[in-house]
Amino acid sequence: MDCPVEPPSGDPYGEFANALRISLDGGQILLDFCVYSESENTARVVSRVRVSKDFIPIIHQKIGASFSLTPDSELSTLFVMPAVLGSN
């Protein structure tokens, strides 16, 4: 999809994360991007994203496809989840 995307309100380079936690919250999925410290055996959530279960296969497909892009491919494409039918 070709539309303007606003940058994050905080650091324009985003937050560093070296771990990901995926958890179920009712009918939705929480994606927690974390900073994990092996020496302290702790993790801190730096960003949390809530998505529908139907969006997970699309995320998986788009991330997988991005690894097969050629150097000339557009790496900042905005992928929008298709409409989910039913009450949402």
Protein backbone atom coordinates (compact mmCIF):
# COMPACT_ATOMS: atom_id res chain seq x y z
CA MET A 1 0.00 0.00 0.00
CA ASP A 2 1.31 3.44 -0.82
CA CYS A 3 0.34 5.96 1.86
CA PRO A 4 2.26 8.30 4.16
CA VAL A 5 3.44 6.70 7.41
CA GLU A 6 4.04 8.93 10.43
CA PRO A 7 7.30 8.30 12.28
CA PRO A 8 7.18 7.20 15.92
CA SER A 9 6.63 9.96 18.44
CA GLY A 10 9.73 8.96 20.43
CA ASP A 11 13.13 8.06 19.05
CA PRO A 12 12.88 8.10 15.23
CA TYR A 13 15.27 5.13 15.12
CA GLY A 14 13.00 3.05 17.37
CA GLU A 15 13.82 1.02 20.42
CA PHE A 16 16.43 -1.73 20.54
CA ALA A 17 15.08 -5.23 21.19
CA ASN A 18 16.86 -8.57 21.29
CA ALA A 19 13.93 -10.74 22.36
CA LEU A 20 10.29 -11.26 21.47
CA ARG A 21 7.47 -12.63 23.60
CA ILE A 22 4.19 -13.69 22.00
CA SER A 23 1.21 -14.16 24.28
CA LEU A 24 -2.52 -14.64 23.99
CA ASP A 25 -4.82 -11.98 25.47
CA GLY A 26 -8.41 -13.06 24.94
CA GLY A 27 -8.99 -13.14 21.19
CA GLN A 28 -5.89 -11.09 20.41
CA ILE A 29 -2.13 -11.60 20.36
CA LEU A 30 0.38 -9.44 22.24
CA LEU A 31 3.79 -9.03 20.61
CA ASP A 32 6.23 -7.81 23.28
CA PHE A 33 9.58 -6.64 21.98
CA CYS A 34 12.03 -6.87 24.87
CA VAL A 35 15.60 -6.21 25.93
CA TYR A 36 16.89 -9.40 27.56
CA SER A 37 19.91 -9.51 29.87
CA GLU A 38 21.47 -12.94 30.12
CA SER A 39 23.68 -11.92 33.06
CA GLU A 40 20.68 -10.71 35.09
CA ASN A 41 18.18 -13.16 33.59
CA THR A 42 15.63 -10.37 33.16
CA ALA A 43 13.71 -8.91 30.26
CA ARG A 44 12.09 -5.48 29.89
CA VAL A 45 9.34 -4.76 27.37
CA VAL A 46 10.34 -1.79 25.20
CA SER A 47 7.36 -1.98 22.85
CA ARG A 48 4.06 -3.86 22.88
CA VAL A 49 1.84 -4.38 19.85
CA ARG A 50 -1.65 -5.91 20.03
CA VAL A 51 -2.88 -7.66 16.86
CA SER A 52 -5.71 -9.99 15.88
CA LYS A 53 -4.95 -13.70 15.56
CA ASP A 54 -5.72 -13.40 11.84
CA PHE A 55 -2.84 -10.95 11.39
CA ILE A 56 -0.13 -13.38 12.62
CA PRO A 57 0.01 -15.49 9.41
CA ILE A 58 0.24 -12.29 7.35
CA ILE A 59 3.10 -10.98 9.52
CA HIS A 60 4.86 -14.33 9.15
CA GLN A 61 4.42 -14.32 5.37
CA LYS A 62 5.59 -10.72 4.91
CA ILE A 63 8.66 -11.12 7.14
CA GLY A 64 9.57 -14.39 5.36
CA ALA A 65 9.17 -12.77 1.96
CA SER A 66 11.34 -9.82 2.98
CA PHE A 67 14.37 -12.12 3.33
CA SER A 68 14.12 -13.03 -0.33
CA LEU A 69 14.04 -9.43 -1.59
CA THR A 70 16.71 -8.31 -3.99
CA PRO A 71 18.97 -5.37 -3.06
CA ASP A 72 16.90 -3.12 -5.35
CA SER A 73 13.60 -4.06 -3.68
CA GLU A 74 11.66 -1.56 -1.60
CA LEU A 75 12.23 -2.39 2.07
CA SER A 76 9.81 0.12 3.58
CA THR A 77 6.56 -1.07 2.05
CA LEU A 78 3.47 -0.69 4.24
CA PHE A 79 1.49 -3.93 4.46
CA VAL A 80 -2.11 -3.51 5.60
CA MET A 81 -4.02 -6.44 7.01
CA PRO A 82 -7.02 -7.47 4.91
CA ALA A 83 -10.42 -6.79 6.45
CA VAL A 84 -11.48 -9.34 9.07
CA LEU A 85 -15.07 -10.47 8.64
CA GLY A 86 -17.42 -10.63 11.61
CA SER A 87 -17.63 -8.47 14.71
CA ASN A 88 -14.30 -6.77 15.34
